[in-house]
C-alpha cells in the first residue's frame, strides 16, 4: 500500500488526489511546458476545494524533518506532487 500522508487524510483530500493520479501518469508523455500546465491545473483544482491548505501546508512543512526542498518551493504544491508520485509508483507495481 502506498504511504498515506496524514496531511491529506481528512475531508476527502486523499480521494480527490486519487482521481488525479491518471492525469499525473499521462504527464510523463508531455513536454515540460505541458507538464507544468497540467501540474498547476491539478494544484488549482485542489485549491478550489481546500484554499485553507496553503497556510496549513506551510505549518506542516516546518514540522517535517530533513526536507529542505519544502522551504524552497510552495509547500502545498510539493506535498501534492510527492503524494501523486507515491500513488503513481504504487499503481505501476500492481
N, C-alpha and C. Protein backbone atom coordinates (compact mmCIF):
# COMPACT_ATOMS: atom_id res chain seq x y z
N UNK A 1 0.84 -1.18 0.00
CA UNK A 1 0.00 0.00 0.00
C UNK A 1 0.88 1.23 0.00
N UNK A 2 0.51 2.22 -0.77
CA UNK A 2 1.27 3.48 -0.81
C UNK A 2 1.15 4.18 0.54
N UNK A 3 2.20 4.85 0.88
CA UNK A 3 2.22 5.60 2.14
C UNK A 3 1.18 6.71 2.07
N UNK A 4 0.38 6.81 3.10
CA UNK A 4 -0.63 7.86 3.18
C UNK A 4 -0.08 8.99 4.03
N UNK A 5 -0.09 10.17 3.49
CA UNK A 5 0.39 11.34 4.21
C UNK A 5 -0.75 11.85 5.08
N UNK A 6 -0.53 12.03 6.39
CA UNK A 6 -1.61 12.48 7.27
C UNK A 6 -2.16 13.86 6.89
N UNK A 7 -1.38 14.63 6.16
CA UNK A 7 -1.85 15.95 5.73
C UNK A 7 -3.11 15.84 4.87
N UNK A 8 -3.22 14.77 4.09
CA UNK A 8 -4.31 14.63 3.13
C UNK A 8 -5.44 13.72 3.60
N UNK A 9 -5.37 13.21 4.81
CA UNK A 9 -6.34 12.21 5.25
C UNK A 9 -7.75 12.76 5.47
N UNK A 10 -7.91 13.98 5.90
CA UNK A 10 -9.22 14.50 6.29
C UNK A 10 -9.95 15.17 5.13
N UNK A 11 -11.25 15.15 5.18
CA UNK A 11 -12.08 15.95 4.29
C UNK A 11 -12.09 15.58 2.83
N UNK A 12 -11.76 14.35 2.48
CA UNK A 12 -11.83 13.93 1.10
C UNK A 12 -10.63 14.32 0.25
N UNK A 13 -9.59 14.82 0.87
CA UNK A 13 -8.41 15.25 0.12
C UNK A 13 -7.73 14.08 -0.59
N UNK A 14 -7.53 12.99 0.12
CA UNK A 14 -6.87 11.82 -0.48
C UNK A 14 -7.69 11.26 -1.63
N UNK A 15 -9.01 11.23 -1.48
CA UNK A 15 -9.87 10.73 -2.54
C UNK A 15 -9.78 11.62 -3.78
N UNK A 16 -9.75 12.95 -3.56
CA UNK A 16 -9.61 13.87 -4.68
C UNK A 16 -8.30 13.62 -5.42
N UNK A 17 -7.21 13.50 -4.67
CA UNK A 17 -5.91 13.29 -5.31
C UNK A 17 -5.86 11.93 -6.01
N UNK A 18 -6.55 10.94 -5.47
CA UNK A 18 -6.62 9.63 -6.14
C UNK A 18 -7.20 9.79 -7.55
N UNK A 19 -8.17 10.68 -7.69
CA UNK A 19 -8.78 10.88 -9.02
C UNK A 19 -7.82 11.59 -9.98
N UNK A 20 -6.77 12.19 -9.46
CA UNK A 20 -5.84 12.94 -10.30
C UNK A 20 -4.60 12.12 -10.70
N UNK A 21 -4.47 10.90 -10.19
CA UNK A 21 -3.28 10.09 -10.46
C UNK A 21 -3.16 9.76 -11.95
N UNK A 22 -4.27 9.48 -12.61
CA UNK A 22 -4.21 9.17 -14.04
C UNK A 22 -3.68 10.36 -14.85
N UNK A 23 -4.12 11.55 -14.50
CA UNK A 23 -3.61 12.76 -15.15
C UNK A 23 -2.11 12.87 -14.91
N UNK A 24 -1.72 12.60 -13.69
CA UNK A 24 -0.30 12.69 -13.33
C UNK A 24 0.52 11.67 -14.12
N UNK A 25 0.00 10.47 -14.31
CA UNK A 25 0.71 9.45 -15.08
C UNK A 25 0.87 9.86 -16.54
N UNK A 26 -0.16 10.46 -17.13
CA UNK A 26 -0.08 10.91 -18.52
C UNK A 26 0.91 12.05 -18.70
N UNK A 27 1.23 12.75 -17.63
CA UNK A 27 2.16 13.88 -17.71
C UNK A 27 3.56 13.43 -18.13
N UNK A 28 3.90 12.18 -17.92
CA UNK A 28 5.22 11.68 -18.32
C UNK A 28 5.43 11.74 -19.83
N UNK A 29 4.35 11.72 -20.59
CA UNK A 29 4.45 11.77 -22.04
C UNK A 29 4.33 13.19 -22.60
N UNK A 30 4.31 14.18 -21.73
CA UNK A 30 4.14 15.57 -22.15
C UNK A 30 5.48 16.30 -22.17
N UNK A 31 5.48 17.41 -22.90
CA UNK A 31 6.66 18.28 -22.85
C UNK A 31 6.72 18.93 -21.47
N UNK A 32 7.85 19.52 -21.14
CA UNK A 32 7.97 20.12 -19.81
C UNK A 32 6.98 21.26 -19.62
N UNK A 33 6.70 22.01 -20.66
CA UNK A 33 5.73 23.11 -20.56
C UNK A 33 4.33 22.56 -20.32
N UNK A 34 3.93 21.54 -21.07
CA UNK A 34 2.62 20.92 -20.90
C UNK A 34 2.50 20.28 -19.52
N UNK A 35 3.59 19.67 -19.06
CA UNK A 35 3.60 19.04 -17.73
C UNK A 35 3.36 20.08 -16.64
N UNK A 36 4.03 21.22 -16.76
CA UNK A 36 3.87 22.29 -15.77
C UNK A 36 2.44 22.81 -15.76
N UNK A 37 1.85 22.98 -16.94
CA UNK A 37 0.46 23.45 -17.03
C UNK A 37 -0.48 22.43 -16.40
N UNK A 38 -0.28 21.14 -16.68
CA UNK A 38 -1.13 20.09 -16.11
C UNK A 38 -0.97 20.02 -14.59
N UNK A 39 0.27 20.15 -14.13
CA UNK A 39 0.54 20.10 -12.70
C UNK A 39 -0.16 21.25 -11.97
N UNK A 40 -0.05 22.44 -12.52
CA UNK A 40 -0.72 23.59 -11.90
C UNK A 40 -2.23 23.50 -12.03
N UNK A 41 -2.74 22.79 -13.04
CA UNK A 41 -4.17 22.54 -13.14
C UNK A 41 -4.66 21.69 -11.98
N UNK A 42 -3.91 20.64 -11.66
CA UNK A 42 -4.24 19.80 -10.50
C UNK A 42 -4.21 20.65 -9.24
N UNK A 43 -3.16 21.45 -9.12
CA UNK A 43 -2.99 22.31 -7.95
C UNK A 43 -4.16 23.30 -7.82
N UNK A 44 -4.56 23.92 -8.93
CA UNK A 44 -5.66 24.89 -8.91
C UNK A 44 -6.98 24.23 -8.51
N UNK A 45 -7.25 23.03 -9.07
CA UNK A 45 -8.47 22.32 -8.70
C UNK A 45 -8.47 21.95 -7.23
N UNK A 46 -7.31 21.57 -6.72
CA UNK A 46 -7.19 21.24 -5.29
C UNK A 46 -7.53 22.47 -4.45
N UNK A 47 -6.94 23.62 -4.81
CA UNK A 47 -7.17 24.84 -4.03
C UNK A 47 -8.61 25.34 -4.11
N UNK A 48 -9.32 24.99 -5.18
CA UNK A 48 -10.73 25.35 -5.24
C UNK A 48 -11.51 24.68 -4.12
N UNK A 49 -11.12 23.47 -3.79
CA UNK A 49 -11.80 22.71 -2.74
C UNK A 49 -11.29 23.07 -1.33
N UNK A 50 -9.98 23.25 -1.20
CA UNK A 50 -9.38 23.47 0.12
C UNK A 50 -8.40 24.64 0.11
N UNK A 51 -8.90 25.88 -0.03
CA UNK A 51 -7.99 27.03 -0.09
C UNK A 51 -7.19 27.24 1.20
N UNK A 52 -7.72 26.77 2.30
CA UNK A 52 -7.03 26.94 3.59
C UNK A 52 -5.76 26.11 3.69
N UNK A 53 -5.59 25.15 2.80
CA UNK A 53 -4.44 24.25 2.90
C UNK A 53 -3.12 24.92 2.55
N UNK A 54 -3.14 26.04 1.85
CA UNK A 54 -1.88 26.72 1.53
C UNK A 54 -1.17 27.13 2.82
N UNK A 55 -1.90 27.73 3.74
CA UNK A 55 -1.30 28.10 5.03
C UNK A 55 -1.02 26.87 5.89
N UNK A 56 -1.93 25.92 5.85
CA UNK A 56 -1.75 24.69 6.63
C UNK A 56 -0.49 23.95 6.18
N UNK A 57 -0.20 23.98 4.89
CA UNK A 57 0.98 23.29 4.35
C UNK A 57 2.27 23.94 4.83
N UNK A 58 2.27 25.26 4.93
CA UNK A 58 3.47 25.95 5.44
C UNK A 58 3.80 25.49 6.86
N UNK A 59 2.78 25.40 7.68
CA UNK A 59 2.99 24.95 9.06
C UNK A 59 3.42 23.48 9.10
N UNK A 60 2.78 22.67 8.27
CA UNK A 60 3.09 21.25 8.21
C UNK A 60 4.54 21.04 7.75
N UNK A 61 4.97 21.83 6.77
CA UNK A 61 6.33 21.71 6.23
C UNK A 61 7.38 22.02 7.30
N UNK A 62 7.06 22.92 8.19
CA UNK A 62 8.01 23.26 9.25
C UNK A 62 8.24 22.09 10.20
N UNK A 63 7.27 21.19 10.29
CA UNK A 63 7.35 20.07 11.22
C UNK A 63 7.98 18.82 10.61
N UNK A 64 8.22 18.84 9.30
CA UNK A 64 8.82 17.67 8.63
C UNK A 64 10.33 17.76 8.74
N UNK A 65 10.94 16.73 9.22
CA UNK A 65 12.40 16.71 9.39
C UNK A 65 13.08 16.28 8.09
N UNK A 66 14.18 16.94 7.76
CA UNK A 66 15.00 16.52 6.63
C UNK A 66 14.44 16.79 5.25
N UNK A 67 13.58 17.78 5.11
CA UNK A 67 13.05 18.08 3.79
C UNK A 67 13.32 19.55 3.46
N UNK A 68 14.53 19.84 3.06
CA UNK A 68 14.92 21.21 2.73
C UNK A 68 14.17 21.73 1.51
N UNK A 69 13.77 20.85 0.62
CA UNK A 69 13.10 21.26 -0.61
C UNK A 69 11.78 21.98 -0.30
N UNK A 70 11.09 21.56 0.74
CA UNK A 70 9.80 22.17 1.06
C UNK A 70 9.91 23.65 1.36
N UNK A 71 11.03 24.09 1.87
CA UNK A 71 11.17 25.51 2.16
C UNK A 71 11.54 26.32 0.92
N UNK A 72 11.95 25.65 -0.16
CA UNK A 72 12.37 26.34 -1.37
C UNK A 72 11.24 26.58 -2.36
N UNK A 73 10.20 25.78 -2.31
CA UNK A 73 9.07 25.93 -3.23
C UNK A 73 7.80 26.01 -2.42
N UNK A 74 6.70 26.24 -3.10
CA UNK A 74 5.42 26.28 -2.41
C UNK A 74 5.19 24.95 -1.71
N UNK A 75 5.06 24.97 -0.39
CA UNK A 75 4.93 23.70 0.35
C UNK A 75 3.74 22.84 -0.06
N UNK A 76 2.61 23.45 -0.35
CA UNK A 76 1.44 22.65 -0.71
C UNK A 76 1.64 21.98 -2.07
N UNK A 77 2.17 22.70 -3.03
CA UNK A 77 2.42 22.10 -4.34
C UNK A 77 3.38 20.93 -4.22
N UNK A 78 4.40 21.07 -3.40
CA UNK A 78 5.37 19.99 -3.21
C UNK A 78 4.72 18.78 -2.54
N UNK A 79 3.88 19.01 -1.55
CA UNK A 79 3.18 17.90 -0.89
C UNK A 79 2.30 17.15 -1.88
N UNK A 80 1.59 17.91 -2.71
CA UNK A 80 0.71 17.28 -3.71
C UNK A 80 1.53 16.48 -4.71
N UNK A 81 2.63 17.05 -5.19
CA UNK A 81 3.48 16.33 -6.14
C UNK A 81 4.02 15.04 -5.54
N UNK A 82 4.49 15.11 -4.31
CA UNK A 82 5.02 13.91 -3.65
C UNK A 82 3.94 12.85 -3.47
N UNK A 83 2.75 13.28 -3.10
CA UNK A 83 1.66 12.33 -2.89
C UNK A 83 1.30 11.64 -4.21
N UNK A 84 1.15 12.45 -5.27
CA UNK A 84 0.81 11.87 -6.57
C UNK A 84 1.90 10.93 -7.07
N UNK A 85 3.15 11.29 -6.87
CA UNK A 85 4.26 10.44 -7.30
C UNK A 85 4.22 9.10 -6.56
N UNK A 86 3.98 9.15 -5.26
CA UNK A 86 3.93 7.91 -4.47
C UNK A 86 2.77 7.02 -4.93
N UNK A 87 1.61 7.62 -5.22
CA UNK A 87 0.47 6.83 -5.68
C UNK A 87 0.73 6.24 -7.07
N UNK A 88 1.37 7.01 -7.94
CA UNK A 88 1.67 6.52 -9.28
C UNK A 88 2.62 5.34 -9.20
N UNK A 89 3.62 5.43 -8.36
CA UNK A 89 4.58 4.33 -8.18
C UNK A 89 3.87 3.09 -7.67
N UNK A 90 2.94 3.26 -6.74
CA UNK A 90 2.19 2.14 -6.20
C UNK A 90 1.34 1.49 -7.30
N UNK A 91 0.67 2.30 -8.11
CA UNK A 91 -0.18 1.76 -9.18
C UNK A 91 0.64 1.01 -10.22
N UNK A 92 1.83 1.50 -10.52
CA UNK A 92 2.67 0.83 -11.51
C UNK A 92 3.14 -0.54 -11.03
N UNK A 93 3.26 -0.72 -9.74
CA UNK A 93 3.70 -2.01 -9.18
C UNK A 93 2.59 -3.04 -9.17
N UNK A 94 1.35 -2.60 -9.14
CA UNK A 94 0.20 -3.53 -9.06
C UNK A 94 -0.14 -4.13 -10.40
